[in-house]
Every structure is written in structure tokens, then in C-alpha cells.
Amino acid sequence: MPQYTQHNPLHQYIKDMVCIIAMLQDPDSDYYSPSTRILFNNRTKPYAEIDQMVAKQIGVPCIDLYSTTEKLAASAALLEKRGEYQKYLKDGIHLTMEENQVVYQLIRSTIQPHWPEIMPLNESYTL
């Protein structure tokens, strides 16, 4: 039985991201969507670095989830709380509820200065 993995090599990922953004921003594209807001976010270091580079080139916001998680886990490790990485990433890559809370706050803090018109007015819910 053949083994399949979900992997997009970095060079292809860059091309894909640029292509997707171009399709959304090009008025001649069938997928043109001037009201679509683009926000980059990635959890793995090499892809997060590419997201930051591409986002900067095209002028869209980028959440640095990788560095944020690393800082949280490192701070916890300094406090000698073992297994703190699993608090945020249950298997090293997939987010836990605690990490989803971090993502939510990062998204909110990124939306506010860029698109204040879409900030929620009522936050009586929790994740």
C-alpha cells in the first residue's frame, strides 16, 4: 500500500501563496474579491517565515504563531513546567484549546488596526 503524506515543499508553497493572493486581488481574475481580507498565519517555522516574507511583499498582515508558541512554551519551561509544549500543541503541530485561545487573541489584535470595521461588537461567547 503506498504511503501518502500531506506535504507542500517550500518552493511550491511560495508559488501557491503568491498565486492564490493574485487570484483574489487581480480584477481580471475569475476569483477576484476586493472585499476579501487576507491574513497570513502558520504554525511551522519554515512556512511561517515564508508567510512573513510573502505578506510583507504584498502588504498584508501576518500573524507569527510560530514565534508566539515558542515563547509561551519556553517561558513555561523556564518555570520548570514540564510538558508545556503539549499544552499548546498536542502532537507537535495540531493546536490545543489553549493554543486556539492564543490564535484567537492574535487574530483579534491583528484585525483591530487593519480592519476595525469587522471587529465583533459583542464578545459574550468563548472558544
N, C-alpha and C. Protein backbone atom coordinates (compact mmCIF):
# COMPACT_ATOMS: atom_id res chain seq x y z
N MET A 1 0.84 -1.17 0.00
CA MET A 1 0.00 0.00 0.00
C MET A 1 0.89 1.25 0.00
N PRO A 2 0.68 2.18 -0.93
CA PRO A 2 1.53 3.38 -0.99
C PRO A 2 1.29 4.30 0.20
N GLN A 3 2.37 4.94 0.63
CA GLN A 3 2.30 5.91 1.72
C GLN A 3 2.05 7.30 1.13
N TYR A 4 1.10 8.01 1.68
CA TYR A 4 0.81 9.37 1.23
C TYR A 4 1.06 10.31 2.40
N THR A 5 1.66 11.42 2.11
CA THR A 5 1.86 12.44 3.13
C THR A 5 1.28 13.75 2.62
N GLN A 6 0.91 14.57 3.54
CA GLN A 6 0.43 15.90 3.18
C GLN A 6 1.62 16.84 3.35
N HIS A 7 2.27 17.10 2.26
CA HIS A 7 3.45 17.97 2.32
C HIS A 7 3.50 18.81 1.06
N ASN A 8 3.74 20.08 1.25
CA ASN A 8 3.90 21.01 0.14
C ASN A 8 5.31 21.58 0.28
N PRO A 9 6.24 21.21 -0.60
CA PRO A 9 7.61 21.73 -0.49
C PRO A 9 7.62 23.25 -0.46
N LEU A 10 8.59 23.81 0.24
CA LEU A 10 8.65 25.26 0.43
C LEU A 10 8.60 26.04 -0.87
N HIS A 11 9.34 25.60 -1.89
CA HIS A 11 9.35 26.34 -3.16
C HIS A 11 7.96 26.35 -3.80
N GLN A 12 7.24 25.24 -3.67
CA GLN A 12 5.88 25.16 -4.22
C GLN A 12 4.91 25.97 -3.37
N TYR A 13 5.11 25.96 -2.06
CA TYR A 13 4.26 26.73 -1.14
C TYR A 13 4.31 28.22 -1.48
N ILE A 14 5.51 28.72 -1.74
CA ILE A 14 5.65 30.14 -2.11
C ILE A 14 4.86 30.44 -3.38
N LYS A 15 5.02 29.61 -4.39
CA LYS A 15 4.30 29.81 -5.65
C LYS A 15 2.79 29.75 -5.42
N ASP A 16 2.35 28.79 -4.62
CA ASP A 16 0.92 28.64 -4.34
C ASP A 16 0.35 29.86 -3.63
N MET A 17 1.07 30.35 -2.62
CA MET A 17 0.57 31.51 -1.87
C MET A 17 0.47 32.75 -2.77
N VAL A 18 1.51 32.98 -3.55
CA VAL A 18 1.50 34.14 -4.45
C VAL A 18 0.37 34.01 -5.46
N CYS A 19 0.15 32.82 -5.98
CA CYS A 19 -0.91 32.57 -6.96
C CYS A 19 -2.30 32.81 -6.34
N ILE A 20 -2.52 32.28 -5.16
CA ILE A 20 -3.82 32.45 -4.50
C ILE A 20 -4.12 33.92 -4.24
N ILE A 21 -3.13 34.64 -3.73
CA ILE A 21 -3.31 36.07 -3.45
C ILE A 21 -3.58 36.82 -4.75
N ALA A 22 -2.83 36.51 -5.79
CA ALA A 22 -3.03 37.18 -7.08
C ALA A 22 -4.44 36.94 -7.61
N MET A 23 -4.93 35.71 -7.47
CA MET A 23 -6.29 35.42 -7.95
C MET A 23 -7.34 36.25 -7.22
N LEU A 24 -7.13 36.50 -5.95
CA LEU A 24 -8.09 37.27 -5.17
C LEU A 24 -7.97 38.77 -5.42
N GLN A 25 -6.75 39.24 -5.76
CA GLN A 25 -6.52 40.67 -5.88
C GLN A 25 -6.54 41.19 -7.32
N ASP A 26 -6.47 40.33 -8.29
CA ASP A 26 -6.43 40.74 -9.70
C ASP A 26 -7.84 40.95 -10.24
N PRO A 27 -8.19 42.18 -10.63
CA PRO A 27 -9.54 42.44 -11.15
C PRO A 27 -9.91 41.62 -12.38
N ASP A 28 -8.91 41.10 -13.11
CA ASP A 28 -9.20 40.28 -14.29
C ASP A 28 -9.39 38.79 -13.95
N SER A 29 -9.20 38.44 -12.69
CA SER A 29 -9.32 37.04 -12.27
C SER A 29 -10.78 36.66 -12.04
N ASP A 30 -11.11 35.42 -12.34
CA ASP A 30 -12.46 34.91 -12.05
C ASP A 30 -12.71 34.86 -10.54
N TYR A 31 -11.65 34.87 -9.77
CA TYR A 31 -11.76 34.75 -8.31
C TYR A 31 -11.56 36.09 -7.60
N TYR A 32 -11.52 37.17 -8.37
CA TYR A 32 -11.31 38.50 -7.81
C TYR A 32 -12.32 38.76 -6.70
N SER A 33 -11.78 39.23 -5.58
CA SER A 33 -12.64 39.51 -4.43
C SER A 33 -12.06 40.68 -3.65
N PRO A 34 -12.40 41.91 -4.06
CA PRO A 34 -11.80 43.08 -3.41
C PRO A 34 -12.17 43.23 -1.93
N SER A 35 -13.23 42.59 -1.51
CA SER A 35 -13.62 42.70 -0.10
C SER A 35 -13.01 41.61 0.79
N THR A 36 -12.31 40.66 0.17
CA THR A 36 -11.68 39.59 0.95
C THR A 36 -10.47 40.15 1.68
N ARG A 37 -10.41 39.88 2.97
CA ARG A 37 -9.27 40.30 3.78
C ARG A 37 -8.35 39.11 3.95
N ILE A 38 -7.08 39.34 3.74
CA ILE A 38 -6.10 38.26 3.77
C ILE A 38 -5.23 38.43 5.01
N LEU A 39 -5.11 37.34 5.76
CA LEU A 39 -4.31 37.35 6.97
C LEU A 39 -3.48 36.06 7.00
N PHE A 40 -2.18 36.20 6.96
CA PHE A 40 -1.31 35.03 6.96
C PHE A 40 -1.09 34.52 8.38
N ASN A 41 -0.97 33.20 8.51
CA ASN A 41 -0.75 32.56 9.80
C ASN A 41 -0.23 31.15 9.55
N ASN A 42 0.86 30.80 10.18
CA ASN A 42 1.36 29.44 10.04
C ASN A 42 2.06 29.01 11.31
N ARG A 43 1.98 27.74 11.61
CA ARG A 43 2.49 27.20 12.85
C ARG A 43 3.91 26.64 12.74
N THR A 44 4.33 26.23 11.56
CA THR A 44 5.65 25.63 11.43
C THR A 44 6.67 26.67 10.98
N LYS A 45 7.87 26.60 11.52
CA LYS A 45 8.87 27.65 11.33
C LYS A 45 9.16 27.98 9.87
N PRO A 46 9.52 27.02 9.02
CA PRO A 46 9.87 27.40 7.64
C PRO A 46 8.70 28.06 6.89
N TYR A 47 7.51 27.56 7.10
CA TYR A 47 6.34 28.13 6.42
C TYR A 47 5.94 29.47 7.03
N ALA A 48 6.12 29.61 8.33
CA ALA A 48 5.83 30.89 8.98
C ALA A 48 6.77 31.98 8.45
N GLU A 49 8.03 31.63 8.26
CA GLU A 49 8.99 32.59 7.71
C GLU A 49 8.61 32.99 6.29
N ILE A 50 8.16 32.04 5.50
CA ILE A 50 7.72 32.34 4.13
C ILE A 50 6.47 33.21 4.17
N ASP A 51 5.53 32.89 5.05
CA ASP A 51 4.31 33.70 5.17
C ASP A 51 4.68 35.15 5.49
N GLN A 52 5.61 35.35 6.40
CA GLN A 52 6.02 36.71 6.75
C GLN A 52 6.63 37.43 5.56
N MET A 53 7.47 36.72 4.81
CA MET A 53 8.12 37.31 3.63
C MET A 53 7.08 37.69 2.57
N VAL A 54 6.19 36.75 2.23
CA VAL A 54 5.18 37.00 1.19
C VAL A 54 4.21 38.08 1.65
N ALA A 55 3.77 38.02 2.89
CA ALA A 55 2.84 39.02 3.41
C ALA A 55 3.44 40.42 3.32
N LYS A 56 4.71 40.53 3.68
CA LYS A 56 5.38 41.83 3.61
C LYS A 56 5.45 42.32 2.16
N GLN A 57 5.77 41.42 1.24
CA GLN A 57 5.90 41.79 -0.18
C GLN A 57 4.58 42.30 -0.75
N ILE A 58 3.47 41.69 -0.34
CA ILE A 58 2.20 42.09 -0.93
C ILE A 58 1.40 43.02 -0.03
N GLY A 59 1.93 43.34 1.15
CA GLY A 59 1.31 44.32 2.02
C GLY A 59 0.07 43.84 2.76
N VAL A 60 0.12 42.59 3.25
CA VAL A 60 -1.00 42.10 4.07
C VAL A 60 -0.46 41.70 5.45
N PRO A 61 -1.32 41.71 6.47
CA PRO A 61 -0.88 41.34 7.81
C PRO A 61 -0.50 39.87 7.92
N CYS A 62 0.33 39.58 8.89
CA CYS A 62 0.76 38.21 9.13
C CYS A 62 0.85 37.98 10.64
N ILE A 63 0.27 36.90 11.09
CA ILE A 63 0.36 36.50 12.50
C ILE A 63 1.54 35.55 12.63
N ASP A 64 2.41 35.83 13.57
CA ASP A 64 3.57 34.97 13.79
C ASP A 64 3.24 33.97 14.91
N LEU A 65 2.45 32.99 14.57
CA LEU A 65 2.02 31.98 15.53
C LEU A 65 3.19 31.11 15.99
N TYR A 66 4.10 30.83 15.09
CA TYR A 66 5.25 30.00 15.45
C TYR A 66 6.04 30.63 16.60
N SER A 67 6.46 31.88 16.43
CA SER A 67 7.27 32.54 17.46
C SER A 67 6.49 32.71 18.76
N THR A 68 5.22 33.01 18.65
CA THR A 68 4.40 33.18 19.85
C THR A 68 4.33 31.89 20.65
N THR A 69 4.09 30.78 19.98
CA THR A 69 4.02 29.49 20.66
C THR A 69 5.37 29.13 21.27
N GLU A 70 6.44 29.36 20.51
CA GLU A 70 7.77 29.05 21.03
C GLU A 70 8.05 29.85 22.31
N LYS A 71 7.68 31.12 22.32
CA LYS A 71 7.91 31.96 23.51
C LYS A 71 7.08 31.47 24.69
N LEU A 72 5.84 31.12 24.44
CA LEU A 72 4.99 30.61 25.53
C LEU A 72 5.56 29.32 26.11
N ALA A 73 5.95 28.41 25.25
CA ALA A 73 6.49 27.13 25.70
C ALA A 73 7.82 27.33 26.42
N ALA A 74 8.67 28.22 25.89
CA ALA A 74 9.96 28.47 26.53
C ALA A 74 9.78 29.12 27.90
N SER A 75 8.85 30.06 28.01
CA SER A 75 8.57 30.69 29.30
C SER A 75 8.11 29.66 30.32
N ALA A 76 7.25 28.78 29.89
CA ALA A 76 6.76 27.73 30.78
C ALA A 76 7.90 26.80 31.18
N ALA A 77 8.79 26.49 30.24
CA ALA A 77 9.92 25.61 30.55
C ALA A 77 10.86 26.27 31.56
N LEU A 78 11.04 27.58 31.44
CA LEU A 78 11.88 28.29 32.40
C LEU A 78 11.29 28.21 33.81
N LEU A 79 9.99 28.10 33.87
CA LEU A 79 9.32 27.98 35.17
C LEU A 79 9.26 26.53 35.62
N GLU A 80 9.98 25.67 34.88
CA GLU A 80 10.09 24.25 35.18
C GLU A 80 8.75 23.53 35.15
N LYS A 81 7.91 23.92 34.22
CA LYS A 81 6.65 23.20 34.00
C LYS A 81 6.88 22.26 32.84
N ARG A 82 7.11 21.03 33.15
CA ARG A 82 7.40 20.03 32.11
C ARG A 82 6.16 19.75 31.27
N GLY A 83 6.41 19.38 30.00
CA GLY A 83 5.31 19.03 29.11
C GLY A 83 4.49 20.23 28.67
N GLU A 84 5.03 21.42 28.82
CA GLU A 84 4.27 22.62 28.50
C GLU A 84 3.98 22.74 27.00
N TYR A 85 4.86 22.17 26.18
CA TYR A 85 4.63 22.23 24.74
C TYR A 85 3.31 21.56 24.39
N GLN A 86 3.01 20.45 25.06
CA GLN A 86 1.77 19.74 24.79
C GLN A 86 0.54 20.54 25.20
N LYS A 87 0.74 21.53 26.06
CA LYS A 87 -0.37 22.41 26.44
C LYS A 87 -0.85 23.20 25.22
N TYR A 88 0.07 23.50 24.32
CA TYR A 88 -0.27 24.30 23.14
C TYR A 88 -0.37 23.47 21.86
N LEU A 89 0.45 22.44 21.77
CA LEU A 89 0.47 21.61 20.56
C LEU A 89 0.42 20.14 20.99
N LYS A 90 -0.75 19.54 20.86
CA LYS A 90 -0.93 18.20 21.42
C LYS A 90 -0.03 17.14 20.80
N ASP A 91 0.35 17.32 19.54
CA ASP A 91 1.22 16.34 18.89
C ASP A 91 2.40 17.02 18.20
N GLY A 92 2.68 18.23 18.60
CA GLY A 92 3.79 18.98 17.99
C GLY A 92 3.37 19.89 16.86
N ILE A 93 2.14 19.73 16.37
CA ILE A 93 1.69 20.59 15.26
C ILE A 93 0.23 21.00 15.37
N HIS A 94 -0.64 20.13 15.85
CA HIS A 94 -2.07 20.45 15.93
C HIS A 94 -2.38 21.20 17.23
N LEU A 95 -3.18 22.24 17.10
CA LEU A 95 -3.44 23.14 18.21
C LEU A 95 -4.38 22.54 19.26
N THR A 96 -4.10 22.89 20.50
CA THR A 96 -4.98 22.53 21.61
C THR A 96 -5.94 23.69 21.84
N MET A 97 -6.84 23.53 22.80
CA MET A 97 -7.77 24.61 23.14
C MET A 97 -7.00 25.85 23.63
N GLU A 98 -5.95 25.64 24.42
CA GLU A 98 -5.16 26.77 24.90
C GLU A 98 -4.52 27.53 23.74
N GLU A 99 -3.99 26.80 22.77
CA GLU A 99 -3.36 27.46 21.62
C GLU A 99 -4.41 28.14 20.75
N ASN A 100 -5.59 27.56 20.64
CA ASN A 100 -6.66 28.22 19.89
C ASN A 100 -7.03 29.55 20.54
N GLN A 101 -6.97 29.62 21.86
CA GLN A 101 -7.21 30.89 22.55
C GLN A 101 -6.14 31.92 22.18
N VAL A 102 -4.89 31.46 22.10
CA VAL A 102 -3.79 32.33 21.70
C VAL A 102 -4.02 32.82 20.27
N VAL A 103 -4.38 31.92 19.38
CA VAL A 103 -4.65 32.28 17.98
C VAL A 103 -5.77 33.31 17.91
N TYR A 104 -6.83 33.07 18.65
CA TYR A 104 -7.97 33.99 18.67
C TYR A 104 -7.52 35.40 19.07
N GLN A 105 -6.72 35.50 20.12
CA GLN A 105 -6.25 36.82 20.57
C GLN A 105 -5.32 37.46 19.55
N LEU A 106 -4.47 36.66 18.92
CA LEU A 106 -3.59 37.20 17.88
C LEU A 106 -4.39 37.72 16.68
N ILE A 107 -5.40 36.96 16.29
CA ILE A 107 -6.23 37.40 15.17
C ILE A 107 -6.94 38.70 15.52
N ARG A 108 -7.53 38.76 16.69
CA ARG A 108 -8.21 39.99 17.12
C ARG A 108 -7.25 41.18 17.13
N SER A 109 -6.06 40.98 17.68
CA SER A 109 -5.11 42.10 17.78
C SER A 109 -4.57 42.50 16.41
N THR A 110 -4.66 41.62 15.43
CA THR A 110 -4.24 41.96 14.07
C THR A 110 -5.37 42.60 13.29
N ILE A 111 -6.58 42.14 13.50
CA ILE A 111 -7.73 42.72 12.80
C ILE A 111 -7.97 44.16 13.23
N GLN A 112 -7.88 44.43 14.52
CA GLN A 112 -8.21 45.76 15.05
C GLN A 112 -7.55 46.90 14.30
N PRO A 113 -6.23 46.90 14.10
CA PRO A 113 -5.62 48.04 13.40
C PRO A 113 -5.82 48.04 11.89
N HIS A 114 -6.07 46.86 11.32
CA HIS A 114 -6.17 46.77 9.85
C HIS A 114 -7.62 46.87 9.35
N TRP A 115 -8.54 46.25 10.06
CA TRP A 115 -9.93 46.22 9.63
C TRP A 115 -10.87 46.39 10.84
N PRO A 116 -10.84 47.53 11.48
CA PRO A 116 -11.66 47.71 12.68
C PRO A 116 -13.16 47.54 12.42
N GLU A 117 -13.57 47.72 11.18
CA GLU A 117 -14.99 47.61 10.85
C GLU A 117 -15.52 46.18 10.97
N ILE A 118 -14.64 45.19 11.04
CA ILE A 118 -15.14 43.82 11.18
C ILE A 118 -14.92 43.25 12.58
N MET A 119 -14.48 44.09 13.51
CA MET A 119 -14.31 43.62 14.89
C MET A 119 -15.67 43.28 15.47
N PRO A 120 -15.77 42.17 16.20
CA PRO A 120 -17.05 41.83 16.83
C PRO A 120 -17.45 42.87 17.87
N LEU A 121 -18.73 43.18 17.88
CA LEU A 121 -19.23 44.14 18.86
C LEU A 121 -19.56 43.47 20.18
N ASN A 122 -19.99 42.23 20.11
CA ASN A 122 -20.41 41.51 21.31
C ASN A 122 -19.54 40.26 21.46
N GLU A 123 -18.85 40.19 22.58
CA GLU A 123 -18.00 39.03 22.81
C GLU A 123 -18.47 38.24 24.00
N SER A 124 -19.72 37.89 24.02
CA SER A 124 -20.27 37.15 25.15
C SER A 124 -20.07 35.65 24.99
N TYR A 125 -19.28 35.22 24.01
CA TYR A 125 -19.04 33.81 23.77
C TYR A 125 -17.60 33.48 24.09
N THR A 126 -17.31 32.22 24.27
CA THR A 126 -15.94 31.76 24.49
C THR A 126 -15.64 30.63 23.53
N LEU A 127 -14.40 30.42 23.28
CA LEU A 127 -13.98 29.32 22.42
C LEU A 127 -13.95 28.03 23.21
